[in-house]
């Protein structure tokens, strides 16, 4: 009987392990399916609603000039740009939560978003007709400067995750105030400030994709390459150093990648908040704490969240639209309060 009980317990544990192993695929498959549905709805709905046949005709026939233009020149590039923004912010948040060992970390809270935003607003004030590639370059420079300042302020012989988080909060407040002061003193304030400060994809097109993909795609590759080191870093600096990881250099590399990803997202969509906070936690629920899985899962969930938020922003008061950042803040702010109350 004891042998039968042991066999039964072993079989139960094996079935439970198989169940846990299948959960990530099940959850991520559901997210991928949701994204496909959202992609179709994003193409079909807007100021002009397209039927399924009109969507197909616009996708496949250039002779259907109106629908072809709506889909290929307006809605599809906006969807693709939103994918890039969501994936970039989610991966940046995933990296920052790992490097600070702080569940409340994300690019907005740690000041990297505001640093890129300050560079963007400065470029807009100096040259209102700045080309898209110039804006992307300015944002990237600002994001890297913000990441560098974050490292410099947090450094005291070595980097403490606590000092990194506190320095980020201070920089976010400072850069945010500078952005508002700069835009409010400019003649372009009324035209540009609302969409930029709240965040949104209004006017996003293929030029934004071409200008920012050259930053986001290498940034994603860098995040994947750093995933293994981030796993080791989570064990503590002493253990990581014992395993041959250069901890401070790894943190510098992670901050650089976060600066590039966040800045490219800001160049497209302005100051979108909370995507980098919410998505890594949702991904962690699905795939666990291994960053080799967590980073791609965060990218998928980020792309899905931004696609959903942009769709809602376009249809809530159609034919007008509200800034997408209002939707992400409406989702992210309660989630942040939940983390502070129960997980902080």
C-alpha atoms as a PDB file:
ATOM      1  CA  UNK A   1       0.000   0.000   0.000  1.00  0.00           C
ATOM      2  CA  UNK A   2       2.861   2.360   0.816  1.00  0.00           C
ATOM      3  CA  UNK A   3       4.346   1.695  -2.611  1.00  0.00           C
ATOM      4  CA  UNK A   4       1.004   2.426  -4.280  1.00  0.00           C
ATOM      5  CA  UNK A   5       0.652   5.677  -2.314  1.00  0.00           C
ATOM      6  CA  UNK A   6       4.163   6.712  -3.308  1.00  0.00           C
ATOM      7  CA  UNK A   7       3.410   5.961  -6.945  1.00  0.00           C
ATOM      8  CA  UNK A   8       0.153   7.885  -6.749  1.00  0.00           C
ATOM      9  CA  UNK A   9       1.845  10.910  -5.157  1.00  0.00           C
ATOM     10  CA  UNK A  10       4.586  10.821  -7.771  1.00  0.00           C
ATOM     11  CA  UNK A  11       2.039  10.668 -10.585  1.00  0.00           C
ATOM     12  CA  UNK A  12       0.099  13.580  -9.075  1.00  0.00           C
ATOM     13  CA  UNK A  13       3.230  15.683  -8.862  1.00  0.00           C
ATOM     14  CA  UNK A  14       4.105  14.797 -12.446  1.00  0.00           C
ATOM     15  CA  UNK A  15       0.651  15.831 -13.664  1.00  0.00           C
ATOM     16  CA  UNK A  16       0.871  19.082 -11.687  1.00  0.00           C
ATOM     17  CA  UNK A  17       4.270  19.806 -13.201  1.00  0.00           C
ATOM     18  CA  UNK A  18       2.917  19.180 -16.695  1.00  0.00           C
ATOM     19  CA  UNK A  19       0.023  21.524 -15.917  1.00  0.00           C
ATOM     20  CA  UNK A  20       2.366  24.261 -14.790  1.00  0.00           C
ATOM     21  CA  UNK A  21       4.500  23.722 -17.868  1.00  0.00           C
ATOM     22  CA  UNK A  22       1.530  24.093 -20.213  1.00  0.00           C
ATOM     23  CA  UNK A  23       0.194  27.252 -18.558  1.00  0.00           C
ATOM     24  CA  UNK A  24       2.666  29.649 -20.226  1.00  0.00           C
ATOM     25  CA  UNK A  25       1.806  28.336 -23.676  1.00  0.00           C
ATOM     26  CA  UNK A  26      -1.914  28.518 -22.913  1.00  0.00           C
ATOM     27  CA  UNK A  27      -1.772  32.081 -21.553  1.00  0.00           C
ATOM     28  CA  UNK A  28       0.537  33.428 -24.258  1.00  0.00           C
ATOM     29  CA  UNK A  29      -1.519  31.689 -26.934  1.00  0.00           C
ATOM     30  CA  UNK A  30      -4.571  33.489 -25.566  1.00  0.00           C
ATOM     31  CA  UNK A  31      -2.711  36.822 -25.617  1.00  0.00           C
ATOM     32  CA  UNK A  32      -1.575  36.215 -29.200  1.00  0.00           C
ATOM     33  CA  UNK A  33      -5.140  35.397 -30.249  1.00  0.00           C
ATOM     34  CA  UNK A  34      -6.379  38.544 -28.514  1.00  0.00           C
ATOM     35  CA  UNK A  35      -3.778  40.580 -30.372  1.00  0.00           C
ATOM     36  CA  UNK A  36      -4.950  39.184 -33.726  1.00  0.00           C
ATOM     37  CA  UNK A  37      -8.529  40.189 -32.879  1.00  0.00           C
ATOM     38  CA  UNK A  38      -7.402  43.650 -31.793  1.00  0.00           C
ATOM     39  CA  UNK A  39      -5.362  44.024 -34.981  1.00  0.00           C
ATOM     40  CA  UNK A  40      -8.436  43.352 -37.090  1.00  0.00           C
ATOM     41  CA  UNK A  41     -10.584  45.733 -35.020  1.00  0.00           C
ATOM     42  CA  UNK A  42      -7.903  48.428 -35.249  1.00  0.00           C
ATOM     43  CA  UNK A  43      -7.948  48.179 -39.023  1.00  0.00           C
ATOM     44  CA  UNK A  44     -11.736  47.995 -39.313  1.00  0.00           C
ATOM     45  CA  UNK A  45     -12.852  50.660 -36.828  1.00  0.00           C
ATOM     46  CA  UNK A  46     -12.220  54.376 -36.657  1.00  0.00           C
ATOM     47  CA  UNK A  47     -13.811  57.530 -38.033  1.00  0.00           C
ATOM     48  CA  UNK A  48     -14.956  55.320 -40.931  1.00  0.00           C
ATOM     49  CA  UNK A  49     -16.006  51.738 -40.142  1.00  0.00           C
ATOM     50  CA  UNK A  50     -14.997  49.098 -42.679  1.00  0.00           C
ATOM     51  CA  UNK A  51     -16.865  45.859 -43.225  1.00  0.00           C
ATOM     52  CA  UNK A  52     -14.906  42.568 -43.435  1.00  0.00           C
ATOM     53  CA  UNK A  53     -15.149  42.641 -47.225  1.00  0.00           C
ATOM     54  CA  UNK A  54     -13.906  46.242 -47.317  1.00  0.00           C
ATOM     55  CA  UNK A  55     -10.991  45.332 -45.044  1.00  0.00           C
ATOM     56  CA  UNK A  56     -10.012  42.475 -47.349  1.00  0.00           C
ATOM     57  CA  UNK A  57     -10.444  44.600 -50.459  1.00  0.00           C
ATOM     58  CA  UNK A  58      -8.411  47.445 -48.970  1.00  0.00           C
ATOM     59  CA  UNK A  59      -5.613  45.074 -47.949  1.00  0.00           C
ATOM     60  CA  UNK A  60      -5.355  43.262 -51.267  1.00  0.00           C
ATOM     61  CA  UNK A  61      -6.552  45.614 -54.025  1.00  0.00           C
ATOM     62  CA  UNK A  62      -4.963  48.912 -54.909  1.00  0.00           C
ATOM     63  CA  UNK A  63      -7.933  49.587 -57.170  1.00  0.00           C
ATOM     64  CA  UNK A  64     -10.069  50.097 -54.041  1.00  0.00           C
ATOM     65  CA  UNK A  65      -8.340  53.432 -53.575  1.00  0.00           C
ATOM     66  CA  UNK A  66     -10.201  54.820 -50.550  1.00  0.00           C
ATOM     67  CA  UNK A  67     -10.087  51.701 -48.376  1.00  0.00           C
ATOM     68  CA  UNK A  68      -6.542  50.895 -49.535  1.00  0.00           C
ATOM     69  CA  UNK A  69      -5.393  54.353 -48.438  1.00  0.00           C
ATOM     70  CA  UNK A  70      -7.210  54.174 -45.096  1.00  0.00           C
ATOM     71  CA  UNK A  71      -5.671  50.803 -44.250  1.00  0.00           C
ATOM     72  CA  UNK A  72      -2.138  51.072 -45.668  1.00  0.00           C
ATOM     73  CA  UNK A  73      -1.453  54.736 -45.006  1.00  0.00           C
ATOM     74  CA  UNK A  74      -3.331  55.386 -41.760  1.00  0.00           C
ATOM     75  CA  UNK A  75      -4.463  52.391 -39.729  1.00  0.00           C
ATOM     76  CA  UNK A  76      -1.876  49.713 -40.456  1.00  0.00           C
ATOM     77  CA  UNK A  77       1.177  51.920 -39.777  1.00  0.00           C
ATOM     78  CA  UNK A  78      -0.520  53.135 -36.608  1.00  0.00           C
ATOM     79  CA  UNK A  79      -1.031  49.537 -35.502  1.00  0.00           C
ATOM     80  CA  UNK A  80       2.590  48.616 -36.263  1.00  0.00           C
ATOM     81  CA  UNK A  81       3.896  51.719 -34.480  1.00  0.00           C
ATOM     82  CA  UNK A  82       1.745  50.842 -31.477  1.00  0.00           C
ATOM     83  CA  UNK A  83       3.240  47.352 -31.437  1.00  0.00           C
ATOM     84  CA  UNK A  84       6.727  48.849 -31.335  1.00  0.00           C
ATOM     85  CA  UNK A  85       5.806  51.302 -28.580  1.00  0.00           C
ATOM     86  CA  UNK A  86       4.152  48.669 -26.400  1.00  0.00           C
ATOM     87  CA  UNK A  87       6.890  46.092 -26.850  1.00  0.00           C
ATOM     88  CA  UNK A  88       9.672  48.625 -26.224  1.00  0.00           C
ATOM     89  CA  UNK A  89       8.131  50.057 -23.053  1.00  0.00           C
ATOM     90  CA  UNK A  90       7.222  46.631 -21.672  1.00  0.00           C
ATOM     91  CA  UNK A  91      10.725  45.233 -22.220  1.00  0.00           C
ATOM     92  CA  UNK A  92      12.295  48.364 -20.710  1.00  0.00           C
ATOM     93  CA  UNK A  93      10.069  47.960 -17.653  1.00  0.00           C
ATOM     94  CA  UNK A  94      10.974  44.284 -17.392  1.00  0.00           C
ATOM     95  CA  UNK A  95      14.679  45.114 -17.420  1.00  0.00           C
ATOM     96  CA  UNK A  96      14.314  47.906 -14.873  1.00  0.00           C
ATOM     97  CA  UNK A  97      12.311  45.758 -12.474  1.00  0.00           C
ATOM     98  CA  UNK A  98      15.009  43.125 -12.715  1.00  0.00           C
ATOM     99  CA  UNK A  99      18.007  45.430 -12.304  1.00  0.00           C
ATOM    100  CA  UNK A 100      16.496  47.346  -9.368  1.00  0.00           C
ATOM    101  CA  UNK A 101      14.801  44.287  -7.841  1.00  0.00           C
ATOM    102  CA  UNK A 102      11.833  46.596  -7.364  1.00  0.00           C
ATOM    103  CA  UNK A 103       8.344  45.583  -8.562  1.00  0.00           C
ATOM    104  CA  UNK A 104       7.353  49.253  -8.854  1.00  0.00           C
ATOM    105  CA  UNK A 105      10.093  50.199 -11.342  1.00  0.00           C
ATOM    106  CA  UNK A 106       9.295  51.269 -14.888  1.00  0.00           C
ATOM    107  CA  UNK A 107      10.710  53.838 -17.364  1.00  0.00           C
ATOM    108  CA  UNK A 108       8.254  56.531 -16.282  1.00  0.00           C
ATOM    109  CA  UNK A 109       8.814  56.172 -12.542  1.00  0.00           C
ATOM    110  CA  UNK A 110      12.616  56.039 -12.956  1.00  0.00           C
ATOM    111  CA  UNK A 111      12.761  59.178 -15.090  1.00  0.00           C
ATOM    112  CA  UNK A 112      13.962  57.725 -18.406  1.00  0.00           C
ATOM    113  CA  UNK A 113      10.684  58.530 -20.156  1.00  0.00           C
ATOM    114  CA  UNK A 114      10.810  62.112 -18.903  1.00  0.00           C
ATOM    115  CA  UNK A 115      14.454  62.490 -19.981  1.00  0.00           C
ATOM    116  CA  UNK A 116      13.584  61.407 -23.518  1.00  0.00           C
ATOM    117  CA  UNK A 117      10.505  63.627 -23.399  1.00  0.00           C
ATOM    118  CA  UNK A 118      12.563  66.644 -22.392  1.00  0.00           C
ATOM    119  CA  UNK A 119      14.880  66.073 -25.348  1.00  0.00           C
ATOM    120  CA  UNK A 120      11.864  65.698 -27.633  1.00  0.00           C
ATOM    121  CA  UNK A 121      10.140  68.848 -26.391  1.00  0.00           C
ATOM    122  CA  UNK A 122      13.407  70.793 -26.650  1.00  0.00           C
ATOM    123  CA  UNK A 123      13.797  69.659 -30.257  1.00  0.00           C
ATOM    124  CA  UNK A 124      10.185  70.655 -31.035  1.00  0.00           C
ATOM    125  CA  UNK A 125      10.648  74.116 -29.551  1.00  0.00           C
ATOM    126  CA  UNK A 126      13.941  74.737 -31.361  1.00  0.00           C
ATOM    127  CA  UNK A 127      12.747  73.352 -34.698  1.00  0.00           C
ATOM    128  CA  UNK A 128       8.959  72.789 -34.961  1.00  0.00           C
ATOM    129  CA  UNK A 129       9.386  71.153 -38.389  1.00  0.00           C
ATOM    130  CA  UNK A 130      12.065  68.707 -37.243  1.00  0.00           C
ATOM    131  CA  UNK A 131      11.931  65.510 -39.361  1.00  0.00           C
ATOM    132  CA  UNK A 132      10.917  62.211 -37.826  1.00  0.00           C
ATOM    133  CA  UNK A 133      14.422  60.765 -37.895  1.00  0.00           C
ATOM    134  CA  UNK A 134      15.714  63.878 -36.134  1.00  0.00           C
ATOM    135  CA  UNK A 135      13.100  63.537 -33.411  1.00  0.00           C
ATOM    136  CA  UNK A 136      14.000  59.865 -32.948  1.00  0.00           C
ATOM    137  CA  UNK A 137      17.688  60.760 -32.664  1.00  0.00           C
ATOM    138  CA  UNK A 138      16.979  63.548 -30.171  1.00  0.00           C
ATOM    139  CA  UNK A 139      14.819  61.286 -28.013  1.00  0.00           C
ATOM    140  CA  UNK A 140      17.449  58.566 -28.065  1.00  0.00           C
ATOM    141  CA  UNK A 141      20.102  61.026 -26.984  1.00  0.00           C
ATOM    142  CA  UNK A 142      17.861  62.258 -24.188  1.00  0.00           C
ATOM    143  CA  UNK A 143      17.066  58.735 -23.047  1.00  0.00           C
ATOM    144  CA  UNK A 144      20.752  57.831 -22.917  1.00  0.00           C
ATOM    145  CA  UNK A 145      21.576  61.014 -21.000  1.00  0.00           C
ATOM    146  CA  UNK A 146      18.782  60.209 -18.538  1.00  0.00           C
ATOM    147  CA  UNK A 147      20.075  56.671 -18.080  1.00  0.00           C
ATOM    148  CA  UNK A 148      23.606  58.035 -17.601  1.00  0.00           C
ATOM    149  CA  UNK A 149      22.446  60.522 -14.966  1.00  0.00           C
ATOM    150  CA  UNK A 150      20.529  57.771 -13.216  1.00  0.00           C
ATOM    151  CA  UNK A 151      23.682  55.660 -13.051  1.00  0.00           C
ATOM    152  CA  UNK A 152      25.876  58.584 -11.965  1.00  0.00           C
ATOM    153  CA  UNK A 153      23.582  59.659  -9.131  1.00  0.00           C
ATOM    154  CA  UNK A 154      23.059  56.084  -7.911  1.00  0.00           C
ATOM    155  CA  UNK A 155      26.794  55.253  -8.003  1.00  0.00           C
ATOM    156  CA  UNK A 156      28.642  55.235  -4.693  1.00  0.00           C
ATOM    157  CA  UNK A 157      31.470  52.772  -5.120  1.00  0.00           C
ATOM    158  CA  UNK A 158      28.844  50.429  -6.458  1.00  0.00           C
ATOM    159  CA  UNK A 159      25.224  50.695  -7.549  1.00  0.00           C
ATOM    160  CA  UNK A 160      22.530  50.028  -4.993  1.00  0.00           C
ATOM    161  CA  UNK A 161      19.100  49.059  -6.398  1.00  0.00           C
ATOM    162  CA  UNK A 162      17.502  51.250  -3.726  1.00  0.00           C
ATOM    163  CA  UNK A 163      19.568  54.309  -4.689  1.00  0.00           C
ATOM    164  CA  UNK A 164      18.801  53.600  -8.345  1.00  0.00           C
ATOM    165  CA  UNK A 165      15.063  53.677  -7.660  1.00  0.00           C
ATOM    166  CA  UNK A 166      15.187  56.812  -5.484  1.00  0.00           C
ATOM    167  CA  UNK A 167      17.349  58.663  -8.005  1.00  0.00           C
ATOM    168  CA  UNK A 168      14.913  57.731 -10.768  1.00  0.00           C
ATOM    169  CA  UNK A 169      11.918  59.124  -8.897  1.00  0.00           C
ATOM    170  CA  UNK A 170      13.733  62.424  -8.330  1.00  0.00           C
ATOM    171  CA  UNK A 171      14.840  62.686 -11.965  1.00  0.00           C
ATOM    172  CA  UNK A 172      11.316  61.907 -13.189  1.00  0.00           C
ATOM    173  CA  UNK A 173       9.876  64.781 -11.153  1.00  0.00           C
ATOM    174  CA  UNK A 174      12.605  67.199 -12.267  1.00  0.00           C
ATOM    175  CA  UNK A 175      12.444  66.343 -15.978  1.00  0.00           C
ATOM    176  CA  UNK A 176       8.638  66.359 -15.922  1.00  0.00           C
ATOM    177  CA  UNK A 177       8.571  69.884 -14.495  1.00  0.00           C
ATOM    178  CA  UNK A 178      11.139  71.002 -17.086  1.00  0.00           C
ATOM    179  CA  UNK A 179       8.985  69.624 -19.925  1.00  0.00           C
ATOM    180  CA  UNK A 180       5.889  71.508 -18.769  1.00  0.00           C
ATOM    181  CA  UNK A 181       7.878  74.720 -18.269  1.00  0.00           C
ATOM    182  CA  UNK A 182       9.477  74.445 -21.706  1.00  0.00           C
ATOM    183  CA  UNK A 183       6.261  73.721 -23.588  1.00  0.00           C
ATOM    184  CA  UNK A 184       4.223  76.311 -21.706  1.00  0.00           C
ATOM    185  CA  UNK A 185       6.689  79.026 -22.680  1.00  0.00           C
ATOM    186  CA  UNK A 186       6.586  78.057 -26.342  1.00  0.00           C
ATOM    187  CA  UNK A 187       4.239  79.239 -29.084  1.00  0.00           C
ATOM    188  CA  UNK A 188       3.670  75.582 -29.991  1.00  0.00           C
ATOM    189  CA  UNK A 189       2.219  74.761 -26.567  1.00  0.00           C
ATOM    190  CA  UNK A 190      -1.430  74.519 -27.550  1.00  0.00           C
ATOM    191  CA  UNK A 191      -0.762  72.520 -30.703  1.00  0.00           C
ATOM    192  CA  UNK A 192       1.646  69.972 -29.287  1.00  0.00           C
ATOM    193  CA  UNK A 193       1.454  69.705 -25.530  1.00  0.00           C
ATOM    194  CA  UNK A 194      -1.745  67.737 -24.969  1.00  0.00           C
ATOM    195  CA  UNK A 195      -0.971  64.851 -27.270  1.00  0.00           C
ATOM    196  CA  UNK A 196       2.678  64.724 -26.247  1.00  0.00           C
ATOM    197  CA  UNK A 197       2.184  64.933 -22.480  1.00  0.00           C
ATOM    198  CA  UNK A 198      -0.714  62.473 -22.368  1.00  0.00           C
ATOM    199  CA  UNK A 199       0.754  60.163 -25.007  1.00  0.00           C
ATOM    200  CA  UNK A 200      -0.880  58.841 -28.150  1.00  0.00           C
ATOM    201  CA  UNK A 201      -0.440  57.549 -31.684  1.00  0.00           C
ATOM    202  CA  UNK A 202      -2.347  60.260 -33.536  1.00  0.00           C
ATOM    203  CA  UNK A 203      -0.568  60.893 -36.821  1.00  0.00           C
ATOM    204  CA  UNK A 204       1.781  57.895 -36.503  1.00  0.00           C
ATOM    205  CA  UNK A 205       2.833  56.623 -39.931  1.00  0.00           C
ATOM    206  CA  UNK A 206       5.471  54.579 -41.742  1.00  0.00           C
ATOM    207  CA  UNK A 207       8.046  57.337 -41.263  1.00  0.00           C
ATOM    208  CA  UNK A 208       7.849  56.786 -37.516  1.00  0.00           C
ATOM    209  CA  UNK A 209       8.365  53.073 -38.026  1.00  0.00           C
ATOM    210  CA  UNK A 210      11.411  53.581 -40.238  1.00  0.00           C
ATOM    211  CA  UNK A 211      12.912  56.198 -37.918  1.00  0.00           C
ATOM    212  CA  UNK A 212      12.526  54.207 -34.687  1.00  0.00           C
ATOM    213  CA  UNK A 213      12.870  50.573 -35.764  1.00  0.00           C
ATOM    214  CA  UNK A 214      16.621  51.142 -36.148  1.00  0.00           C
ATOM    215  CA  UNK A 215      16.707  51.793 -32.383  1.00  0.00           C
ATOM    216  CA  UNK A 216      14.020  49.440 -31.103  1.00  0.00           C
ATOM    217  CA  UNK A 217      15.075  46.267 -32.917  1.00  0.00           C
ATOM    218  CA  UNK A 218      18.737  46.418 -31.755  1.00  0.00           C
ATOM    219  CA  UNK A 219      17.460  47.356 -28.295  1.00  0.00           C
ATOM    220  CA  UNK A 220      15.280  44.245 -28.233  1.00  0.00           C
ATOM    221  CA  UNK A 221      18.220  42.123 -29.327  1.00  0.00           C
ATOM    222  CA  UNK A 222      20.321  43.635 -26.543  1.00  0.00           C
ATOM    223  CA  UNK A 223      17.594  42.856 -23.997  1.00  0.00           C
ATOM    224  CA  UNK A 224      17.505  39.202 -25.069  1.00  0.00           C
ATOM    225  CA  UNK A 225      21.289  38.964 -24.843  1.00  0.00           C
ATOM    226  CA  UNK A 226      21.246  40.407 -21.312  1.00  0.00           C
ATOM    227  CA  UNK A 227      18.473  38.111 -20.060  1.00  0.00           C
ATOM    228  CA  UNK A 228      20.829  35.428 -18.753  1.00  0.00           C
ATOM    229  CA  UNK A 229      23.009  37.941 -16.904  1.00  0.00           C
ATOM    230  CA  UNK A 230      19.917  39.528 -15.403  1.00  0.00           C
ATOM    231  CA  UNK A 231      18.882  36.120 -14.057  1.00  0.00           C
ATOM    232  CA  UNK A 232      22.247  35.770 -12.331  1.00  0.00           C
ATOM    233  CA  UNK A 233      22.093  39.354 -11.049  1.00  0.00           C
ATOM    234  CA  UNK A 234      18.800  38.535  -9.326  1.00  0.00           C
ATOM    235  CA  UNK A 235      20.719  36.143  -7.035  1.00  0.00           C
ATOM    236  CA  UNK A 236      22.585  39.079  -5.476  1.00  0.00           C
ATOM    237  CA  UNK A 237      25.752  40.954  -6.301  1.00  0.00           C
ATOM    238  CA  UNK A 238      28.050  38.653  -4.310  1.00  0.00           C
ATOM    239  CA  UNK A 239      26.750  35.516  -5.990  1.00  0.00           C
ATOM    240  CA  UNK A 240      26.785  37.174  -9.425  1.00  0.00           C
ATOM    241  CA  UNK A 241      30.357  38.359  -8.958  1.00  0.00           C
ATOM    242  CA  UNK A 242      31.352  34.876  -7.829  1.00  0.00           C
ATOM    243  CA  UNK A 243      29.911  33.503 -11.064  1.00  0.00           C
ATOM    244  CA  UNK A 244      31.974  35.928 -13.141  1.00  0.00           C
ATOM    245  CA  UNK A 245      29.332  38.579 -13.845  1.00  0.00           C
ATOM    246  CA  UNK A 246      30.592  42.170 -13.854  1.00  0.00           C
ATOM    247  CA  UNK A 247      27.615  43.549 -11.971  1.00  0.00           C
ATOM    248  CA  UNK A 248      28.058  47.283 -12.512  1.00  0.00           C
ATOM    249  CA  UNK A 249      28.904  46.885 -16.193  1.00  0.00           C
ATOM    250  CA  UNK A 250      25.823  44.715 -16.585  1.00  0.00           C
ATOM    251  CA  UNK A 251      23.677  47.395 -14.950  1.00  0.00           C
ATOM    252  CA  UNK A 252      25.168  50.044 -17.240  1.00  0.00           C
ATOM    253  CA  UNK A 253      24.373  47.908 -20.293  1.00  0.00           C
ATOM    254  CA  UNK A 254      20.813  47.356 -19.076  1.00  0.00           C
ATOM    255  CA  UNK A 255      20.293  51.078 -18.469  1.00  0.00           C
ATOM    256  CA  UNK A 256      21.591  51.865 -21.967  1.00  0.00           C
ATOM    257  CA  UNK A 257      19.176  49.377 -23.521  1.00  0.00           C
ATOM    258  CA  UNK A 258      16.316  50.800 -21.440  1.00  0.00           C
ATOM    259  CA  UNK A 259      17.246  54.323 -22.503  1.00  0.00           C
ATOM    260  CA  UNK A 260      17.220  53.409 -26.196  1.00  0.00           C
ATOM    261  CA  UNK A 261      13.927  51.473 -26.046  1.00  0.00           C
ATOM    262  CA  UNK A 262      12.119  54.102 -23.992  1.00  0.00           C
ATOM    263  CA  UNK A 263      13.369  57.000 -26.093  1.00  0.00           C
ATOM    264  CA  UNK A 264      12.270  55.399 -29.347  1.00  0.00           C
ATOM    265  CA  UNK A 265       8.797  54.817 -27.883  1.00  0.00           C
ATOM    266  CA  UNK A 266       8.608  58.453 -26.741  1.00  0.00           C
ATOM    267  CA  UNK A 267       9.587  59.609 -30.243  1.00  0.00           C
ATOM    268  CA  UNK A 268       6.487  57.869 -31.625  1.00  0.00           C
ATOM    269  CA  UNK A 269       3.874  58.222 -28.900  1.00  0.00           C
ATOM    270  CA  UNK A 270       4.977  60.853 -26.390  1.00  0.00           C
ATOM    271  CA  UNK A 271       4.829  60.253 -22.642  1.00  0.00           C
ATOM    272  CA  UNK A 272       2.828  57.018 -22.438  1.00  0.00           C
ATOM    273  CA  UNK A 273       2.832  55.818 -18.838  1.00  0.00           C
ATOM    274  CA  UNK A 274       2.423  52.545 -16.941  1.00  0.00           C
ATOM    275  CA  UNK A 275       2.922  50.141 -19.872  1.00  0.00           C
ATOM    276  CA  UNK A 276       6.368  49.264 -18.533  1.00  0.00           C
ATOM    277  CA  UNK A 277       4.915  48.703 -15.071  1.00  0.00           C
ATOM    278  CA  UNK A 278       1.894  46.533 -15.822  1.00  0.00           C
ATOM    279  CA  UNK A 279       3.099  44.276 -18.629  1.00  0.00           C
ATOM    280  CA  UNK A 280       6.097  42.614 -16.909  1.00  0.00           C
ATOM    281  CA  UNK A 281       3.886  41.629 -13.974  1.00  0.00           C
ATOM    282  CA  UNK A 282       1.295  40.090 -16.279  1.00  0.00           C
ATOM    283  CA  UNK A 283       4.077  38.268 -18.131  1.00  0.00           C
ATOM    284  CA  UNK A 284       5.599  37.081 -14.847  1.00  0.00           C
ATOM    285  CA  UNK A 285       2.270  35.507 -13.926  1.00  0.00           C
ATOM    286  CA  UNK A 286       2.267  33.626 -17.219  1.00  0.00           C
ATOM    287  CA  UNK A 287       5.876  32.461 -17.589  1.00  0.00           C
ATOM    288  CA  UNK A 288       7.588  32.958 -14.229  1.00  0.00           C
ATOM    289  CA  UNK A 289      10.743  34.880 -13.381  1.00  0.00           C
ATOM    290  CA  UNK A 290      13.168  33.542 -15.978  1.00  0.00           C
ATOM    291  CA  UNK A 291      14.043  36.628 -18.024  1.00  0.00           C
ATOM    292  CA  UNK A 292      14.758  34.516 -21.094  1.00  0.00           C
ATOM    293  CA  UNK A 293      11.003  33.894 -21.231  1.00  0.00           C
ATOM    294  CA  UNK A 294       9.852  36.974 -19.391  1.00  0.00           C
ATOM    295  CA  UNK A 295      11.284  39.485 -21.864  1.00  0.00           C
ATOM    296  CA  UNK A 296       9.577  38.136 -25.030  1.00  0.00           C
ATOM    297  CA  UNK A 297       6.352  37.556 -23.082  1.00  0.00           C
ATOM    298  CA  UNK A 298       6.446  41.170 -21.851  1.00  0.00           C
ATOM    299  CA  UNK A 299       6.960  42.379 -25.426  1.00  0.00           C
ATOM    300  CA  UNK A 300       3.887  40.460 -26.633  1.00  0.00           C
ATOM    301  CA  UNK A 301       1.707  41.682 -23.774  1.00  0.00           C
ATOM    302  CA  UNK A 302       2.962  45.254 -24.214  1.00  0.00           C
ATOM    303  CA  UNK A 303       2.106  45.249 -27.910  1.00  0.00           C
ATOM    304  CA  UNK A 304      -1.359  43.888 -27.092  1.00  0.00           C
ATOM    305  CA  UNK A 305      -2.015  46.427 -24.327  1.00  0.00           C
ATOM    306  CA  UNK A 306      -1.060  49.406 -26.495  1.00  0.00           C
ATOM    307  CA  UNK A 307      -3.128  48.088 -29.420  1.00  0.00           C
ATOM    308  CA  UNK A 308      -6.143  47.780 -27.107  1.00  0.00           C
ATOM    309  CA  UNK A 309      -5.578  51.224 -25.565  1.00  0.00           C
ATOM    310  CA  UNK A 310      -5.188  52.895 -28.960  1.00  0.00           C
ATOM    311  CA  UNK A 311      -8.335  51.215 -30.277  1.00  0.00           C
ATOM    312  CA  UNK A 312     -10.281  52.400 -27.230  1.00  0.00           C
ATOM    313  CA  UNK A 313      -8.880  55.913 -27.613  1.00  0.00           C
ATOM    314  CA  UNK A 314     -10.129  56.047 -31.211  1.00  0.00           C
ATOM    315  CA  UNK A 315     -13.627  54.619 -30.750  1.00  0.00           C
ATOM    316  CA  UNK A 316     -14.775  55.990 -27.376  1.00  0.00           C
ATOM    317  CA  UNK A 317     -15.714  59.404 -28.788  1.00  0.00           C
ATOM    318  CA  UNK A 318     -15.445  58.616 -32.519  1.00  0.00           C
ATOM    319  CA  UNK A 319     -14.930  60.391 -34.894  1.00  0.00           C
ATOM    320  CA  UNK A 320     -12.761  62.335 -32.422  1.00  0.00           C
ATOM    321  CA  UNK A 321     -10.251  60.559 -30.181  1.00  0.00           C
ATOM    322  CA  UNK A 322      -8.753  60.900 -26.738  1.00  0.00           C
ATOM    323  CA  UNK A 323      -5.035  60.565 -25.926  1.00  0.00           C
ATOM    324  CA  UNK A 324      -4.040  56.930 -25.564  1.00  0.00           C
ATOM    325  CA  UNK A 325      -2.065  57.692 -22.411  1.00  0.00           C
ATOM    326  CA  UNK A 326      -5.321  58.365 -20.587  1.00  0.00           C
ATOM    327  CA  UNK A 327      -6.345  54.751 -21.215  1.00  0.00           C
ATOM    328  CA  UNK A 328      -3.013  53.276 -20.103  1.00  0.00           C
ATOM    329  CA  UNK A 329      -3.030  55.480 -16.994  1.00  0.00           C
ATOM    330  CA  UNK A 330      -6.563  54.361 -16.209  1.00  0.00           C
ATOM    331  CA  UNK A 331      -5.347  50.762 -16.264  1.00  0.00           C
ATOM    332  CA  UNK A 332      -1.908  51.311 -14.758  1.00  0.00           C
ATOM    333  CA  UNK A 333      -2.646  53.648 -11.847  1.00  0.00           C
ATOM    334  CA  UNK A 334      -4.971  51.198 -10.031  1.00  0.00           C
ATOM    335  CA  UNK A 335      -2.463  48.435 -10.744  1.00  0.00           C
ATOM    336  CA  UNK A 336       0.295  50.528  -9.158  1.00  0.00           C
ATOM    337  CA  UNK A 337      -1.861  51.099  -6.075  1.00  0.00           C
ATOM    338  CA  UNK A 338      -2.435  47.350  -5.870  1.00  0.00           C
ATOM    339  CA  UNK A 339       1.314  46.698  -5.999  1.00  0.00           C
ATOM    340  CA  UNK A 340       2.003  49.312  -3.317  1.00  0.00           C
ATOM    341  CA  UNK A 341      -0.705  47.861  -1.050  1.00  0.00           C
ATOM    342  CA  UNK A 342      -0.133  44.143  -1.478  1.00  0.00           C
ATOM    343  CA  UNK A 343       3.223  43.572  -3.204  1.00  0.00           C
ATOM    344  CA  UNK A 344       5.432  46.550  -2.348  1.00  0.00           C
END
